[in-house]
């Protein structure tokens, strides 16, 4: 498989949170070029103000990551919204789309898009939590089934949070953008792969099911995996990609 790929993380996340998934991808697909893009306001783009709409986020990314040929996009959670918007508004720029644990307003109710168990931890972080280790331990417990208490991951993610702490206002703006975004009626014309974790504690798995049914596309579910599907089931994700985009 020879292609250019751009990957997009979700709410409050940056490229460091992919862990070893990029290395696994490059080993599995050595002919492909992989670019890890941070959303504005996070990671290497931490100095930016996060747009309050998905469309503005997409357009900012397009200015930073324009390629000479169409790319394949992989988006996780909020990143999946951005990837979808990119593919639907600029179809000539996108050659393939992988959506992981996606949810969309208008298709799924708000209590499925952000499960009630996540409300209190998110509110604590937005209002008064300042300890990166506590913050990242909470996030990991919500997003991973198999690594929920992994001390090494928590330590690495705490270091990321301490080194490049995002502004809370940017997290709020990301949330607002996610709430505002509406899914286009027609799916993008490029090859499309919809994946989710059946044990997702952050976004209800029914959200991906609703997307697949709305667009009339198959859904591939890893029953035991959580929201951070590349962390919980990296080889499963890579196998689904290989099957969908075998050149």
C-alpha atoms as a PDB file:
ATOM      1  CA  UNK A   1       0.000   0.000   0.000  1.00  0.00           C
ATOM      2  CA  UNK A   2       1.493   3.307  -1.144  1.00  0.00           C
ATOM      3  CA  UNK A   3      -0.298   6.424   0.064  1.00  0.00           C
ATOM      4  CA  UNK A   4      -0.003   9.615   2.071  1.00  0.00           C
ATOM      5  CA  UNK A   5      -1.844   9.470   5.394  1.00  0.00           C
ATOM      6  CA  UNK A   6      -2.782  12.237   7.834  1.00  0.00           C
ATOM      7  CA  UNK A   7      -3.955  11.237  11.312  1.00  0.00           C
ATOM      8  CA  UNK A   8      -6.104  13.360  13.609  1.00  0.00           C
ATOM      9  CA  UNK A   9      -6.609  12.830  17.358  1.00  0.00           C
ATOM     10  CA  UNK A  10      -9.597  13.807  19.469  1.00  0.00           C
ATOM     11  CA  UNK A  11     -10.626  16.130  22.281  1.00  0.00           C
ATOM     12  CA  UNK A  12      -7.679  17.467  24.318  1.00  0.00           C
ATOM     13  CA  UNK A  13      -5.282  15.038  22.610  1.00  0.00           C
ATOM     14  CA  UNK A  14      -2.143  15.441  20.503  1.00  0.00           C
ATOM     15  CA  UNK A  15       0.175  13.294  18.419  1.00  0.00           C
ATOM     16  CA  UNK A  16       2.108  11.981  21.430  1.00  0.00           C
ATOM     17  CA  UNK A  17      -1.005  10.143  22.566  1.00  0.00           C
ATOM     18  CA  UNK A  18      -0.826   7.729  19.613  1.00  0.00           C
ATOM     19  CA  UNK A  19       1.804   5.818  21.627  1.00  0.00           C
ATOM     20  CA  UNK A  20       3.461   3.182  19.382  1.00  0.00           C
ATOM     21  CA  UNK A  21       0.634   2.987  16.842  1.00  0.00           C
ATOM     22  CA  UNK A  22       2.486   5.101  14.216  1.00  0.00           C
ATOM     23  CA  UNK A  23       5.537   2.826  14.485  1.00  0.00           C
ATOM     24  CA  UNK A  24       3.338  -0.235  14.008  1.00  0.00           C
ATOM     25  CA  UNK A  25       1.702   1.396  10.989  1.00  0.00           C
ATOM     26  CA  UNK A  26       5.029   2.268   9.377  1.00  0.00           C
ATOM     27  CA  UNK A  27       6.275  -1.277   9.911  1.00  0.00           C
ATOM     28  CA  UNK A  28       3.106  -2.750   8.403  1.00  0.00           C
ATOM     29  CA  UNK A  29       2.942  -0.268   5.492  1.00  0.00           C
ATOM     30  CA  UNK A  30       6.540   0.855   4.805  1.00  0.00           C
ATOM     31  CA  UNK A  31       5.663   2.325   1.396  1.00  0.00           C
ATOM     32  CA  UNK A  32       3.177   4.813   2.868  1.00  0.00           C
ATOM     33  CA  UNK A  33       4.003   8.257   4.221  1.00  0.00           C
ATOM     34  CA  UNK A  34       2.431   9.094   7.570  1.00  0.00           C
ATOM     35  CA  UNK A  35       1.863  12.615   8.930  1.00  0.00           C
ATOM     36  CA  UNK A  36       0.668  13.182  12.502  1.00  0.00           C
ATOM     37  CA  UNK A  37      -1.298  16.423  12.626  1.00  0.00           C
ATOM     38  CA  UNK A  38      -2.111  18.268  15.845  1.00  0.00           C
ATOM     39  CA  UNK A  39      -5.385  20.149  15.986  1.00  0.00           C
ATOM     40  CA  UNK A  40      -5.024  23.904  16.627  1.00  0.00           C
ATOM     41  CA  UNK A  41      -4.548  24.635  20.306  1.00  0.00           C
ATOM     42  CA  UNK A  42      -2.889  21.305  21.128  1.00  0.00           C
ATOM     43  CA  UNK A  43       0.495  19.608  20.784  1.00  0.00           C
ATOM     44  CA  UNK A  44       2.823  21.417  18.416  1.00  0.00           C
ATOM     45  CA  UNK A  45      -0.044  23.812  17.635  1.00  0.00           C
ATOM     46  CA  UNK A  46      -0.621  24.671  21.320  1.00  0.00           C
ATOM     47  CA  UNK A  47      -0.072  28.399  20.693  1.00  0.00           C
ATOM     48  CA  UNK A  48      -3.055  28.525  18.325  1.00  0.00           C
ATOM     49  CA  UNK A  49      -6.613  29.323  19.324  1.00  0.00           C
ATOM     50  CA  UNK A  50      -8.839  26.342  18.721  1.00  0.00           C
ATOM     51  CA  UNK A  51     -11.667  27.263  16.318  1.00  0.00           C
ATOM     52  CA  UNK A  52     -15.215  27.001  17.614  1.00  0.00           C
ATOM     53  CA  UNK A  53     -16.357  25.155  14.478  1.00  0.00           C
ATOM     54  CA  UNK A  54     -15.230  21.945  12.836  1.00  0.00           C
ATOM     55  CA  UNK A  55     -15.140  23.654   9.435  1.00  0.00           C
ATOM     56  CA  UNK A  56     -12.658  26.272  10.656  1.00  0.00           C
ATOM     57  CA  UNK A  57     -10.508  23.548  12.193  1.00  0.00           C
ATOM     58  CA  UNK A  58     -10.525  21.693   8.876  1.00  0.00           C
ATOM     59  CA  UNK A  59      -9.512  24.783   6.940  1.00  0.00           C
ATOM     60  CA  UNK A  60      -6.674  25.528   9.363  1.00  0.00           C
ATOM     61  CA  UNK A  61      -5.365  21.982   8.940  1.00  0.00           C
ATOM     62  CA  UNK A  62      -5.606  22.168   5.154  1.00  0.00           C
ATOM     63  CA  UNK A  63      -3.379  25.242   5.159  1.00  0.00           C
ATOM     64  CA  UNK A  64      -0.798  23.438   7.291  1.00  0.00           C
ATOM     65  CA  UNK A  65      -0.931  20.030   5.652  1.00  0.00           C
ATOM     66  CA  UNK A  66      -1.657  20.499   1.946  1.00  0.00           C
ATOM     67  CA  UNK A  67      -0.217  17.618  -0.087  1.00  0.00           C
ATOM     68  CA  UNK A  68       0.556  17.390  -3.834  1.00  0.00           C
ATOM     69  CA  UNK A  69      -1.784  14.419  -4.166  1.00  0.00           C
ATOM     70  CA  UNK A  70      -4.951  13.218  -2.389  1.00  0.00           C
ATOM     71  CA  UNK A  71      -4.389  11.844   1.112  1.00  0.00           C
ATOM     72  CA  UNK A  72      -6.054   9.252   3.272  1.00  0.00           C
ATOM     73  CA  UNK A  73      -7.380  10.559   6.582  1.00  0.00           C
ATOM     74  CA  UNK A  74      -7.671   8.663   9.847  1.00  0.00           C
ATOM     75  CA  UNK A  75      -9.602  10.414  12.582  1.00  0.00           C
ATOM     76  CA  UNK A  76     -10.342   9.346  16.154  1.00  0.00           C
ATOM     77  CA  UNK A  77     -13.404  10.773  17.934  1.00  0.00           C
ATOM     78  CA  UNK A  78     -13.379  14.563  17.376  1.00  0.00           C
ATOM     79  CA  UNK A  79     -10.653  13.973  14.804  1.00  0.00           C
ATOM     80  CA  UNK A  80     -13.160  11.812  12.932  1.00  0.00           C
ATOM     81  CA  UNK A  81     -15.489  14.820  12.635  1.00  0.00           C
ATOM     82  CA  UNK A  82     -12.701  16.908  11.157  1.00  0.00           C
ATOM     83  CA  UNK A  83     -11.709  14.115   8.771  1.00  0.00           C
ATOM     84  CA  UNK A  84     -15.334  13.716   7.663  1.00  0.00           C
ATOM     85  CA  UNK A  85     -15.739  17.438   7.090  1.00  0.00           C
ATOM     86  CA  UNK A  86     -12.516  17.518   5.069  1.00  0.00           C
ATOM     87  CA  UNK A  87     -13.551  14.563   2.888  1.00  0.00           C
ATOM     88  CA  UNK A  88     -17.061  15.892   2.283  1.00  0.00           C
ATOM     89  CA  UNK A  89     -16.176  19.530   1.536  1.00  0.00           C
ATOM     90  CA  UNK A  90     -12.942  18.899  -0.365  1.00  0.00           C
ATOM     91  CA  UNK A  91     -13.437  15.461  -1.967  1.00  0.00           C
ATOM     92  CA  UNK A  92     -10.659  15.999  -4.519  1.00  0.00           C
ATOM     93  CA  UNK A  93      -8.145  16.168  -1.654  1.00  0.00           C
ATOM     94  CA  UNK A  94      -9.105  12.924   0.104  1.00  0.00           C
ATOM     95  CA  UNK A  95      -8.494   9.422  -1.244  1.00  0.00           C
ATOM     96  CA  UNK A  96      -9.746   7.435   1.737  1.00  0.00           C
ATOM     97  CA  UNK A  97     -11.295   7.861   5.177  1.00  0.00           C
ATOM     98  CA  UNK A  98     -10.994   5.862   8.409  1.00  0.00           C
ATOM     99  CA  UNK A  99     -13.316   6.904  11.253  1.00  0.00           C
ATOM    100  CA  UNK A 100     -12.695   5.550  14.751  1.00  0.00           C
ATOM    101  CA  UNK A 101     -15.341   5.825  17.486  1.00  0.00           C
ATOM    102  CA  UNK A 102     -17.068   8.720  15.744  1.00  0.00           C
ATOM    103  CA  UNK A 103     -20.263  10.450  16.891  1.00  0.00           C
ATOM    104  CA  UNK A 104     -22.341  13.144  15.270  1.00  0.00           C
ATOM    105  CA  UNK A 105     -25.043  15.542  16.423  1.00  0.00           C
ATOM    106  CA  UNK A 106     -28.384  14.804  14.844  1.00  0.00           C
ATOM    107  CA  UNK A 107     -27.630  11.090  14.611  1.00  0.00           C
ATOM    108  CA  UNK A 108     -27.019  10.259  18.259  1.00  0.00           C
ATOM    109  CA  UNK A 109     -28.347  11.830  21.492  1.00  0.00           C
ATOM    110  CA  UNK A 110     -25.990  13.911  23.590  1.00  0.00           C
ATOM    111  CA  UNK A 111     -25.872  11.364  26.428  1.00  0.00           C
ATOM    112  CA  UNK A 112     -24.481   8.788  23.981  1.00  0.00           C
ATOM    113  CA  UNK A 113     -22.009  11.155  22.364  1.00  0.00           C
ATOM    114  CA  UNK A 114     -20.466  11.823  25.802  1.00  0.00           C
ATOM    115  CA  UNK A 115     -21.515   9.162  28.256  1.00  0.00           C
ATOM    116  CA  UNK A 116     -22.654  10.371  31.716  1.00  0.00           C
ATOM    117  CA  UNK A 117     -19.710   8.650  33.425  1.00  0.00           C
ATOM    118  CA  UNK A 118     -17.410  11.167  31.710  1.00  0.00           C
ATOM    119  CA  UNK A 119     -19.258  14.337  32.715  1.00  0.00           C
ATOM    120  CA  UNK A 120     -17.909  14.725  36.248  1.00  0.00           C
ATOM    121  CA  UNK A 121     -14.229  14.003  35.372  1.00  0.00           C
ATOM    122  CA  UNK A 122     -14.350  16.423  32.439  1.00  0.00           C
ATOM    123  CA  UNK A 123     -16.004  19.115  34.548  1.00  0.00           C
ATOM    124  CA  UNK A 124     -13.409  18.697  37.310  1.00  0.00           C
ATOM    125  CA  UNK A 125     -10.597  19.155  34.813  1.00  0.00           C
ATOM    126  CA  UNK A 126     -12.195  22.217  33.226  1.00  0.00           C
ATOM    127  CA  UNK A 127     -12.927  23.926  36.533  1.00  0.00           C
ATOM    128  CA  UNK A 128     -10.153  23.128  38.974  1.00  0.00           C
ATOM    129  CA  UNK A 129      -7.999  20.074  38.275  1.00  0.00           C
ATOM    130  CA  UNK A 130      -4.347  21.094  37.827  1.00  0.00           C
ATOM    131  CA  UNK A 131      -2.398  17.866  38.430  1.00  0.00           C
ATOM    132  CA  UNK A 132      -1.324  16.369  35.064  1.00  0.00           C
ATOM    133  CA  UNK A 133      -0.967  12.874  36.515  1.00  0.00           C
ATOM    134  CA  UNK A 134      -4.485  12.913  37.965  1.00  0.00           C
ATOM    135  CA  UNK A 135      -5.813  14.381  34.714  1.00  0.00           C
ATOM    136  CA  UNK A 136      -4.191  11.756  32.502  1.00  0.00           C
ATOM    137  CA  UNK A 137      -5.023   8.888  34.834  1.00  0.00           C
ATOM    138  CA  UNK A 138      -8.674   9.894  34.619  1.00  0.00           C
ATOM    139  CA  UNK A 139      -8.593  10.212  30.828  1.00  0.00           C
ATOM    140  CA  UNK A 140      -6.895   6.831  30.423  1.00  0.00           C
ATOM    141  CA  UNK A 141      -9.454   5.154  32.686  1.00  0.00           C
ATOM    142  CA  UNK A 142     -12.230   6.501  30.437  1.00  0.00           C
ATOM    143  CA  UNK A 143     -10.629   5.741  27.087  1.00  0.00           C
ATOM    144  CA  UNK A 144      -8.858   2.382  27.495  1.00  0.00           C
ATOM    145  CA  UNK A 145     -10.122  -1.023  28.513  1.00  0.00           C
ATOM    146  CA  UNK A 146      -6.788  -2.833  28.478  1.00  0.00           C
ATOM    147  CA  UNK A 147      -4.431  -0.117  29.772  1.00  0.00           C
ATOM    148  CA  UNK A 148      -6.689   1.824  32.142  1.00  0.00           C
ATOM    149  CA  UNK A 149      -4.196   1.757  35.031  1.00  0.00           C
ATOM    150  CA  UNK A 150      -0.922   1.508  33.091  1.00  0.00           C
ATOM    151  CA  UNK A 151       1.536   3.581  35.140  1.00  0.00           C
ATOM    152  CA  UNK A 152       4.000   4.007  32.261  1.00  0.00           C
ATOM    153  CA  UNK A 153       1.363   5.433  29.919  1.00  0.00           C
ATOM    154  CA  UNK A 154       0.047   7.725  32.648  1.00  0.00           C
ATOM    155  CA  UNK A 155       3.580   9.009  33.294  1.00  0.00           C
ATOM    156  CA  UNK A 156       4.233   9.649  29.588  1.00  0.00           C
ATOM    157  CA  UNK A 157       0.911  11.422  29.125  1.00  0.00           C
ATOM    158  CA  UNK A 158       1.448  13.477  32.281  1.00  0.00           C
ATOM    159  CA  UNK A 159       4.797  14.609  30.862  1.00  0.00           C
ATOM    160  CA  UNK A 160       3.034  15.663  27.649  1.00  0.00           C
ATOM    161  CA  UNK A 161       0.420  17.593  29.620  1.00  0.00           C
ATOM    162  CA  UNK A 162       3.077  19.335  31.694  1.00  0.00           C
ATOM    163  CA  UNK A 163       5.308  20.177  28.733  1.00  0.00           C
ATOM    164  CA  UNK A 164       2.588  21.619  26.488  1.00  0.00           C
ATOM    165  CA  UNK A 165      -0.450  22.364  28.664  1.00  0.00           C
ATOM    166  CA  UNK A 166      -3.414  23.380  26.507  1.00  0.00           C
ATOM    167  CA  UNK A 167      -5.602  26.275  27.512  1.00  0.00           C
ATOM    168  CA  UNK A 168      -8.914  25.235  29.004  1.00  0.00           C
ATOM    169  CA  UNK A 169     -10.606  27.717  26.737  1.00  0.00           C
ATOM    170  CA  UNK A 170      -9.370  25.659  23.773  1.00  0.00           C
ATOM    171  CA  UNK A 171     -10.936  22.515  25.214  1.00  0.00           C
ATOM    172  CA  UNK A 172     -14.229  24.371  25.604  1.00  0.00           C
ATOM    173  CA  UNK A 173     -13.995  25.603  22.029  1.00  0.00           C
ATOM    174  CA  UNK A 174     -13.377  22.066  20.808  1.00  0.00           C
ATOM    175  CA  UNK A 175     -16.448  20.901  22.710  1.00  0.00           C
ATOM    176  CA  UNK A 176     -18.502  23.699  21.185  1.00  0.00           C
ATOM    177  CA  UNK A 177     -17.290  22.795  17.699  1.00  0.00           C
ATOM    178  CA  UNK A 178     -18.249  19.159  18.242  1.00  0.00           C
ATOM    179  CA  UNK A 179     -21.715  20.114  19.478  1.00  0.00           C
ATOM    180  CA  UNK A 180     -22.321  22.368  16.481  1.00  0.00           C
ATOM    181  CA  UNK A 181     -21.167  20.063  13.710  1.00  0.00           C
ATOM    182  CA  UNK A 182     -23.799  18.334  11.608  1.00  0.00           C
ATOM    183  CA  UNK A 183     -23.048  15.313   9.462  1.00  0.00           C
ATOM    184  CA  UNK A 184     -23.536  15.784   5.694  1.00  0.00           C
ATOM    185  CA  UNK A 185     -26.420  13.761   4.280  1.00  0.00           C
ATOM    186  CA  UNK A 186     -24.261  12.049   1.674  1.00  0.00           C
ATOM    187  CA  UNK A 187     -21.135  10.061   2.523  1.00  0.00           C
ATOM    188  CA  UNK A 188     -17.863  11.060   0.874  1.00  0.00           C
ATOM    189  CA  UNK A 189     -17.141   9.406  -2.446  1.00  0.00           C
ATOM    190  CA  UNK A 190     -13.814   7.953  -1.337  1.00  0.00           C
ATOM    191  CA  UNK A 191     -13.332   4.520   0.278  1.00  0.00           C
ATOM    192  CA  UNK A 192     -14.675   4.685   3.836  1.00  0.00           C
ATOM    193  CA  UNK A 193     -13.907   2.496   6.863  1.00  0.00           C
ATOM    194  CA  UNK A 194     -15.927   2.803  10.106  1.00  0.00           C
ATOM    195  CA  UNK A 195     -14.421   1.188  13.212  1.00  0.00           C
ATOM    196  CA  UNK A 196     -15.327   1.250  16.869  1.00  0.00           C
ATOM    197  CA  UNK A 197     -14.687  -0.359  20.225  1.00  0.00           C
ATOM    198  CA  UNK A 198     -17.572  -2.269  21.731  1.00  0.00           C
ATOM    199  CA  UNK A 199     -16.486  -1.442  25.289  1.00  0.00           C
ATOM    200  CA  UNK A 200     -16.125   2.330  24.778  1.00  0.00           C
ATOM    201  CA  UNK A 201     -16.784   4.100  28.116  1.00  0.00           C
ATOM    202  CA  UNK A 202     -16.548   7.607  26.679  1.00  0.00           C
ATOM    203  CA  UNK A 203     -18.732   7.477  23.538  1.00  0.00           C
ATOM    204  CA  UNK A 204     -21.494   4.889  23.294  1.00  0.00           C
ATOM    205  CA  UNK A 205     -20.831   2.283  20.565  1.00  0.00           C
ATOM    206  CA  UNK A 206     -24.343   2.974  19.260  1.00  0.00           C
ATOM    207  CA  UNK A 207     -23.002   6.231  17.782  1.00  0.00           C
ATOM    208  CA  UNK A 208     -20.851   4.399  15.246  1.00  0.00           C
ATOM    209  CA  UNK A 209     -23.733   2.062  14.509  1.00  0.00           C
ATOM    210  CA  UNK A 210     -25.969   5.060  13.787  1.00  0.00           C
ATOM    211  CA  UNK A 211     -23.354   6.480  11.416  1.00  0.00           C
ATOM    212  CA  UNK A 212     -22.961   3.202   9.538  1.00  0.00           C
ATOM    213  CA  UNK A 213     -26.715   2.819   9.147  1.00  0.00           C
ATOM    214  CA  UNK A 214     -27.194   6.451   8.069  1.00  0.00           C
ATOM    215  CA  UNK A 215     -24.605   6.157   5.334  1.00  0.00           C
ATOM    216  CA  UNK A 216     -25.356   2.540   4.474  1.00  0.00           C
ATOM    217  CA  UNK A 217     -21.827   1.356   5.158  1.00  0.00           C
ATOM    218  CA  UNK A 218     -20.556  -1.605   7.198  1.00  0.00           C
ATOM    219  CA  UNK A 219     -19.367  -1.173  10.766  1.00  0.00           C
ATOM    220  CA  UNK A 220     -16.411  -3.166  12.095  1.00  0.00           C
ATOM    221  CA  UNK A 221     -16.397  -3.511  15.888  1.00  0.00           C
ATOM    222  CA  UNK A 222     -13.682  -4.800  18.198  1.00  0.00           C
ATOM    223  CA  UNK A 223     -15.850  -6.067  21.040  1.00  0.00           C
ATOM    224  CA  UNK A 224     -13.458  -5.699  23.959  1.00  0.00           C
ATOM    225  CA  UNK A 225     -11.719  -2.449  23.013  1.00  0.00           C
ATOM    226  CA  UNK A 226     -12.420   0.983  24.446  1.00  0.00           C
ATOM    227  CA  UNK A 227     -12.518   4.491  23.011  1.00  0.00           C
ATOM    228  CA  UNK A 228      -8.791   4.689  22.261  1.00  0.00           C
ATOM    229  CA  UNK A 229      -9.025   1.928  19.699  1.00  0.00           C
ATOM    230  CA  UNK A 230      -5.408   2.266  18.408  1.00  0.00           C
ATOM    231  CA  UNK A 231      -4.168   1.823  21.987  1.00  0.00           C
ATOM    232  CA  UNK A 232      -6.401  -1.126  22.865  1.00  0.00           C
ATOM    233  CA  UNK A 233      -6.400  -2.971  19.527  1.00  0.00           C
ATOM    234  CA  UNK A 234      -3.650  -1.616  17.252  1.00  0.00           C
ATOM    235  CA  UNK A 235      -3.119  -4.777  15.224  1.00  0.00           C
ATOM    236  CA  UNK A 236      -6.859  -5.224  14.711  1.00  0.00           C
ATOM    237  CA  UNK A 237      -7.108  -1.654  13.365  1.00  0.00           C
ATOM    238  CA  UNK A 238      -4.145  -2.203  11.044  1.00  0.00           C
ATOM    239  CA  UNK A 239      -5.676  -5.397   9.709  1.00  0.00           C
ATOM    240  CA  UNK A 240      -8.970  -3.629   8.945  1.00  0.00           C
ATOM    241  CA  UNK A 241      -7.018  -0.880   7.143  1.00  0.00           C
ATOM    242  CA  UNK A 242      -5.065  -3.435   5.122  1.00  0.00           C
ATOM    243  CA  UNK A 243      -8.284  -5.143   4.055  1.00  0.00           C
ATOM    244  CA  UNK A 244     -10.012  -1.887   3.117  1.00  0.00           C
ATOM    245  CA  UNK A 245      -7.137  -0.197   1.285  1.00  0.00           C
ATOM    246  CA  UNK A 246      -5.213  -3.039  -0.257  1.00  0.00           C
ATOM    247  CA  UNK A 247      -3.650  -1.534  -3.394  1.00  0.00           C
END
